[in-house]
Amino acid sequence: MTMDLEPTYQLGFRLRCDGRYSEARIELQKVLDQNSQHVNARHQVGLILGFEGDFEASLSALQALANENPNNLEVQYDLAMTEMMLGMFDEACGRLKAILNVDPSHEKAQQQVSYC
């Protein structure tokens, strides 16, 4: 029987936002155990990897997710920010500009593209 994943995802998301990464990962993994392609759960796990200091794993997870979901601007934005943090400025700036081509009103991308 498949459980309703949304409450579990929301709990994982809130825990991640509160900086409770190991607890968040447990909840998000429950979602992924039921649906390994759950974009939002994969996104949050990718962010947690970076917050915990595994920048290469975070970059890899976010790149894979961005490649699979080119129209998901939040994934694209978080990948751009990870690239920026890792010194991949050309990649990050290109990604930020691509986000703005799709959504010129994307406020976070507008703010960050000023560093390009």
N, C-alpha and C. Protein backbone atom coordinates (compact mmCIF):
# COMPACT_ATOMS: atom_id res chain seq x y z
N MET A 1 0.84 -1.18 0.00
CA MET A 1 0.00 0.00 0.00
C MET A 1 0.88 1.25 0.00
N THR A 2 0.59 2.19 -0.85
CA THR A 2 1.36 3.43 -0.96
C THR A 2 0.79 4.47 0.00
N MET A 3 1.68 5.10 0.73
CA MET A 3 1.24 6.13 1.66
C MET A 3 1.14 7.47 0.95
N ASP A 4 0.39 8.38 1.53
CA ASP A 4 0.35 9.75 1.02
C ASP A 4 1.68 10.39 1.37
N LEU A 5 2.46 10.72 0.36
CA LEU A 5 3.83 11.18 0.58
C LEU A 5 3.92 12.64 0.99
N GLU A 6 2.91 13.43 0.71
CA GLU A 6 3.02 14.88 0.93
C GLU A 6 3.27 15.25 2.40
N PRO A 7 2.53 14.69 3.37
CA PRO A 7 2.82 15.06 4.77
C PRO A 7 4.24 14.68 5.19
N THR A 8 4.72 13.54 4.73
CA THR A 8 6.08 13.12 5.07
C THR A 8 7.09 14.05 4.41
N TYR A 9 6.84 14.40 3.15
CA TYR A 9 7.73 15.35 2.47
C TYR A 9 7.74 16.70 3.20
N GLN A 10 6.57 17.20 3.57
CA GLN A 10 6.49 18.50 4.25
C GLN A 10 7.23 18.48 5.58
N LEU A 11 7.15 17.37 6.31
CA LEU A 11 7.89 17.25 7.56
C LEU A 11 9.39 17.29 7.28
N GLY A 12 9.84 16.55 6.28
CA GLY A 12 11.25 16.57 5.91
C GLY A 12 11.71 17.96 5.50
N PHE A 13 10.86 18.64 4.74
CA PHE A 13 11.18 20.00 4.30
C PHE A 13 11.32 20.94 5.50
N ARG A 14 10.36 20.88 6.43
CA ARG A 14 10.41 21.75 7.62
C ARG A 14 11.65 21.45 8.46
N LEU A 15 11.97 20.18 8.62
CA LEU A 15 13.16 19.81 9.39
C LEU A 15 14.41 20.35 8.71
N ARG A 16 14.47 20.26 7.38
CA ARG A 16 15.62 20.79 6.64
C ARG A 16 15.72 22.30 6.85
N CYS A 17 14.60 22.99 6.78
CA CYS A 17 14.60 24.44 6.98
C CYS A 17 15.04 24.82 8.39
N ASP A 18 14.77 23.94 9.35
CA ASP A 18 15.17 24.17 10.74
C ASP A 18 16.61 23.76 11.01
N GLY A 19 17.30 23.26 9.99
CA GLY A 19 18.69 22.84 10.16
C GLY A 19 18.85 21.48 10.82
N ARG A 20 17.77 20.73 10.90
CA ARG A 20 17.79 19.39 11.51
C ARG A 20 17.98 18.37 10.39
N TYR A 21 19.19 18.36 9.81
CA TYR A 21 19.44 17.67 8.56
C TYR A 21 19.31 16.15 8.66
N SER A 22 19.83 15.55 9.72
CA SER A 22 19.75 14.09 9.79
C SER A 22 18.30 13.64 9.94
N GLU A 23 17.52 14.37 10.72
CA GLU A 23 16.10 14.03 10.85
C GLU A 23 15.36 14.27 9.54
N ALA A 24 15.71 15.35 8.85
CA ALA A 24 15.09 15.65 7.56
C ALA A 24 15.39 14.55 6.56
N ARG A 25 16.63 14.12 6.54
CA ARG A 25 17.03 13.08 5.59
C ARG A 25 16.23 11.80 5.81
N ILE A 26 15.95 11.45 7.07
CA ILE A 26 15.16 10.25 7.37
C ILE A 26 13.77 10.36 6.76
N GLU A 27 13.13 11.51 6.96
CA GLU A 27 11.77 11.70 6.43
C GLU A 27 11.78 11.73 4.90
N LEU A 28 12.75 12.42 4.33
CA LEU A 28 12.82 12.50 2.87
C LEU A 28 13.13 11.14 2.27
N GLN A 29 13.94 10.35 2.97
CA GLN A 29 14.24 9.01 2.47
C GLN A 29 12.99 8.13 2.46
N LYS A 30 12.09 8.32 3.42
CA LYS A 30 10.82 7.59 3.42
C LYS A 30 10.04 7.89 2.14
N VAL A 31 10.07 9.16 1.74
CA VAL A 31 9.39 9.55 0.50
C VAL A 31 10.07 8.87 -0.69
N LEU A 32 11.39 8.92 -0.72
CA LEU A 32 12.13 8.34 -1.85
C LEU A 32 12.01 6.83 -1.89
N ASP A 33 11.83 6.19 -0.73
CA ASP A 33 11.61 4.74 -0.71
C ASP A 33 10.31 4.38 -1.43
N GLN A 34 9.33 5.26 -1.36
CA GLN A 34 8.04 5.04 -2.02
C GLN A 34 8.05 5.52 -3.48
N ASN A 35 8.82 6.57 -3.73
CA ASN A 35 8.87 7.15 -5.08
C ASN A 35 10.27 7.72 -5.29
N SER A 36 11.13 6.93 -5.89
CA SER A 36 12.55 7.31 -6.05
C SER A 36 12.73 8.52 -6.96
N GLN A 37 11.69 8.88 -7.71
CA GLN A 37 11.79 10.02 -8.63
C GLN A 37 11.10 11.27 -8.09
N HIS A 38 10.74 11.28 -6.82
CA HIS A 38 10.07 12.44 -6.21
C HIS A 38 11.02 13.64 -6.30
N VAL A 39 10.71 14.56 -7.19
CA VAL A 39 11.61 15.68 -7.49
C VAL A 39 11.90 16.52 -6.25
N ASN A 40 10.88 16.88 -5.52
CA ASN A 40 11.09 17.76 -4.37
C ASN A 40 11.93 17.10 -3.28
N ALA A 41 11.68 15.83 -3.03
CA ALA A 41 12.49 15.13 -2.01
C ALA A 41 13.93 15.01 -2.47
N ARG A 42 14.15 14.68 -3.72
CA ARG A 42 15.52 14.62 -4.26
C ARG A 42 16.19 15.98 -4.17
N HIS A 43 15.44 17.03 -4.45
CA HIS A 43 15.96 18.40 -4.37
C HIS A 43 16.44 18.70 -2.95
N GLN A 44 15.59 18.41 -1.98
CA GLN A 44 15.94 18.69 -0.59
C GLN A 44 17.14 17.88 -0.12
N VAL A 45 17.21 16.62 -0.52
CA VAL A 45 18.36 15.78 -0.16
C VAL A 45 19.64 16.36 -0.78
N GLY A 46 19.55 16.82 -2.03
CA GLY A 46 20.70 17.45 -2.67
C GLY A 46 21.18 18.67 -1.91
N LEU A 47 20.24 19.47 -1.43
CA LEU A 47 20.60 20.65 -0.63
C LEU A 47 21.23 20.23 0.69
N ILE A 48 20.65 19.24 1.34
CA ILE A 48 21.18 18.78 2.63
C ILE A 48 22.62 18.32 2.48
N LEU A 49 22.94 17.62 1.41
CA LEU A 49 24.31 17.17 1.19
C LEU A 49 25.28 18.35 1.23
N GLY A 50 24.90 19.45 0.59
CA GLY A 50 25.75 20.63 0.61
C GLY A 50 25.82 21.28 1.98
N PHE A 51 24.68 21.37 2.65
CA PHE A 51 24.65 21.97 3.98
C PHE A 51 25.51 21.17 4.96
N GLU A 52 25.62 19.87 4.72
CA GLU A 52 26.43 19.01 5.58
C GLU A 52 27.90 18.98 5.15
N GLY A 53 28.22 19.70 4.07
CA GLY A 53 29.62 19.82 3.65
C GLY A 53 30.06 18.90 2.53
N ASP A 54 29.18 18.07 2.02
CA ASP A 54 29.54 17.19 0.90
C ASP A 54 29.15 17.89 -0.40
N PHE A 55 29.97 18.87 -0.78
CA PHE A 55 29.64 19.74 -1.90
C PHE A 55 29.64 19.00 -3.23
N GLU A 56 30.55 18.06 -3.40
CA GLU A 56 30.59 17.32 -4.66
C GLU A 56 29.34 16.46 -4.83
N ALA A 57 28.91 15.81 -3.75
CA ALA A 57 27.69 15.00 -3.83
C ALA A 57 26.47 15.88 -4.06
N SER A 58 26.46 17.04 -3.41
CA SER A 58 25.36 17.99 -3.60
C SER A 58 25.32 18.44 -5.05
N LEU A 59 26.47 18.83 -5.58
CA LEU A 59 26.54 19.28 -6.97
C LEU A 59 26.07 18.18 -7.92
N SER A 60 26.53 16.97 -7.69
CA SER A 60 26.15 15.84 -8.54
C SER A 60 24.65 15.59 -8.49
N ALA A 61 24.09 15.59 -7.29
CA ALA A 61 22.65 15.33 -7.13
C ALA A 61 21.83 16.43 -7.79
N LEU A 62 22.22 17.68 -7.60
CA LEU A 62 21.47 18.79 -8.18
C LEU A 62 21.63 18.85 -9.70
N GLN A 63 22.83 18.52 -10.20
CA GLN A 63 23.04 18.48 -11.65
C GLN A 63 22.14 17.43 -12.29
N ALA A 64 22.09 16.25 -11.70
CA ALA A 64 21.24 15.18 -12.26
C ALA A 64 19.79 15.61 -12.27
N LEU A 65 19.35 16.20 -11.16
CA LEU A 65 17.96 16.63 -11.06
C LEU A 65 17.66 17.75 -12.05
N ALA A 66 18.59 18.70 -12.20
CA ALA A 66 18.40 19.80 -13.15
C ALA A 66 18.36 19.29 -14.59
N ASN A 67 19.19 18.31 -14.90
CA ASN A 67 19.19 17.74 -16.25
C ASN A 67 17.86 17.03 -16.55
N GLU A 68 17.32 16.37 -15.55
CA GLU A 68 16.05 15.66 -15.72
C GLU A 68 14.85 16.60 -15.71
N ASN A 69 15.01 17.78 -15.09
CA ASN A 69 13.90 18.72 -14.91
C ASN A 69 14.33 20.12 -15.33
N PRO A 70 14.61 20.31 -16.62
CA PRO A 70 15.16 21.59 -17.07
C PRO A 70 14.21 22.77 -16.85
N ASN A 71 12.93 22.51 -16.69
CA ASN A 71 11.97 23.60 -16.50
C ASN A 71 11.68 23.90 -15.03
N ASN A 72 12.31 23.17 -14.12
CA ASN A 72 12.12 23.42 -12.70
C ASN A 72 13.12 24.51 -12.28
N LEU A 73 12.63 25.74 -12.21
CA LEU A 73 13.53 26.87 -11.99
C LEU A 73 14.11 26.90 -10.59
N GLU A 74 13.43 26.32 -9.62
CA GLU A 74 13.99 26.29 -8.26
C GLU A 74 15.18 25.34 -8.18
N VAL A 75 15.08 24.20 -8.85
CA VAL A 75 16.21 23.28 -8.92
C VAL A 75 17.36 23.96 -9.67
N GLN A 76 17.04 24.60 -10.79
CA GLN A 76 18.07 25.29 -11.58
C GLN A 76 18.75 26.37 -10.74
N TYR A 77 17.95 27.12 -9.98
CA TYR A 77 18.51 28.20 -9.15
C TYR A 77 19.43 27.63 -8.06
N ASP A 78 18.98 26.58 -7.38
CA ASP A 78 19.82 26.01 -6.32
C ASP A 78 21.09 25.40 -6.89
N LEU A 79 21.02 24.84 -8.09
CA LEU A 79 22.24 24.35 -8.74
C LEU A 79 23.15 25.52 -9.06
N ALA A 80 22.60 26.62 -9.57
CA ALA A 80 23.42 27.80 -9.87
C ALA A 80 24.11 28.31 -8.61
N MET A 81 23.40 28.33 -7.49
CA MET A 81 24.00 28.82 -6.25
C MET A 81 25.10 27.87 -5.77
N THR A 82 24.90 26.58 -5.95
CA THR A 82 25.94 25.60 -5.58
C THR A 82 27.15 25.79 -6.48
N GLU A 83 26.91 25.97 -7.77
CA GLU A 83 28.03 26.21 -8.70
C GLU A 83 28.77 27.48 -8.30
N MET A 84 28.05 28.53 -7.96
CA MET A 84 28.67 29.80 -7.57
C MET A 84 29.55 29.58 -6.34
N MET A 85 29.02 28.87 -5.37
CA MET A 85 29.75 28.61 -4.13
C MET A 85 31.03 27.81 -4.38
N LEU A 86 31.00 26.95 -5.39
CA LEU A 86 32.15 26.11 -5.71
C LEU A 86 33.09 26.76 -6.71
N GLY A 87 32.84 28.03 -7.04
CA GLY A 87 33.72 28.74 -7.95
C GLY A 87 33.48 28.47 -9.42
N MET A 88 32.37 27.87 -9.74
CA MET A 88 32.02 27.57 -11.13
C MET A 88 31.19 28.74 -11.67
N PHE A 89 31.83 29.90 -11.76
CA PHE A 89 31.11 31.14 -12.03
C PHE A 89 30.48 31.17 -13.42
N ASP A 90 31.20 30.69 -14.43
CA ASP A 90 30.65 30.72 -15.79
C ASP A 90 29.38 29.87 -15.87
N GLU A 91 29.43 28.68 -15.27
CA GLU A 91 28.26 27.80 -15.29
C GLU A 91 27.10 28.43 -14.52
N ALA A 92 27.41 28.97 -13.34
CA ALA A 92 26.37 29.58 -12.51
C ALA A 92 25.74 30.77 -13.21
N CYS A 93 26.56 31.63 -13.78
CA CYS A 93 26.03 32.82 -14.44
C CYS A 93 25.19 32.45 -15.66
N GLY A 94 25.64 31.47 -16.41
CA GLY A 94 24.85 31.01 -17.55
C GLY A 94 23.51 30.46 -17.11
N ARG A 95 23.51 29.74 -16.01
CA ARG A 95 22.27 29.15 -15.50
C ARG A 95 21.34 30.25 -14.98
N LEU A 96 21.88 31.24 -14.27
CA LEU A 96 21.06 32.34 -13.77
C LEU A 96 20.43 33.13 -14.92
N LYS A 97 21.21 33.36 -15.96
CA LYS A 97 20.69 34.09 -17.13
C LYS A 97 19.62 33.27 -17.84
N ALA A 98 19.80 31.94 -17.89
CA ALA A 98 18.79 31.08 -18.51
C ALA A 98 17.50 31.11 -17.70
N ILE A 99 17.60 31.15 -16.38
CA ILE A 99 16.41 31.25 -15.53
C ILE A 99 15.67 32.54 -15.85
N LEU A 100 16.42 33.63 -15.96
CA LEU A 100 15.79 34.93 -16.24
C LEU A 100 15.21 35.01 -17.64
N ASN A 101 15.75 34.23 -18.57
CA ASN A 101 15.16 34.17 -19.91
C ASN A 101 13.77 33.54 -19.86
N VAL A 102 13.60 32.56 -18.96
CA VAL A 102 12.32 31.89 -18.81
C VAL A 102 11.37 32.73 -17.95
N ASP A 103 11.92 33.26 -16.85
CA ASP A 103 11.11 34.02 -15.89
C ASP A 103 11.86 35.29 -15.49
N PRO A 104 11.67 36.37 -16.26
CA PRO A 104 12.39 37.62 -15.97
C PRO A 104 12.09 38.19 -14.58
N SER A 105 11.03 37.74 -13.95
CA SER A 105 10.67 38.27 -12.63
C SER A 105 11.20 37.40 -11.48
N HIS A 106 12.04 36.40 -11.77
CA HIS A 106 12.59 35.52 -10.73
C HIS A 106 13.52 36.36 -9.85
N GLU A 107 13.01 36.75 -8.68
CA GLU A 107 13.70 37.73 -7.83
C GLU A 107 15.07 37.26 -7.36
N LYS A 108 15.17 36.01 -6.93
CA LYS A 108 16.46 35.52 -6.43
C LYS A 108 17.50 35.49 -7.55
N ALA A 109 17.10 35.07 -8.73
CA ALA A 109 18.03 35.05 -9.86
C ALA A 109 18.43 36.47 -10.25
N GLN A 110 17.47 37.40 -10.19
CA GLN A 110 17.78 38.81 -10.49
C GLN A 110 18.86 39.33 -9.54
N GLN A 111 18.72 39.00 -8.25
CA GLN A 111 19.68 39.46 -7.26
C GLN A 111 21.06 38.87 -7.52
N GLN A 112 21.11 37.58 -7.81
CA GLN A 112 22.39 36.89 -7.93
C GLN A 112 23.11 37.19 -9.25
N VAL A 113 22.35 37.45 -10.30
CA VAL A 113 22.98 37.68 -11.61
C VAL A 113 23.82 38.95 -11.59
N SER A 114 23.57 39.83 -10.63
CA SER A 114 24.36 41.06 -10.53
C SER A 114 25.83 40.75 -10.21
N TYR A 115 26.13 39.54 -9.73
CA TYR A 115 27.51 39.14 -9.43
C TYR A 115 28.22 38.58 -10.65
N CYS A 116 27.50 38.47 -11.76
CA CYS A 116 28.08 37.85 -12.97
C CYS A 116 28.83 38.90 -13.81
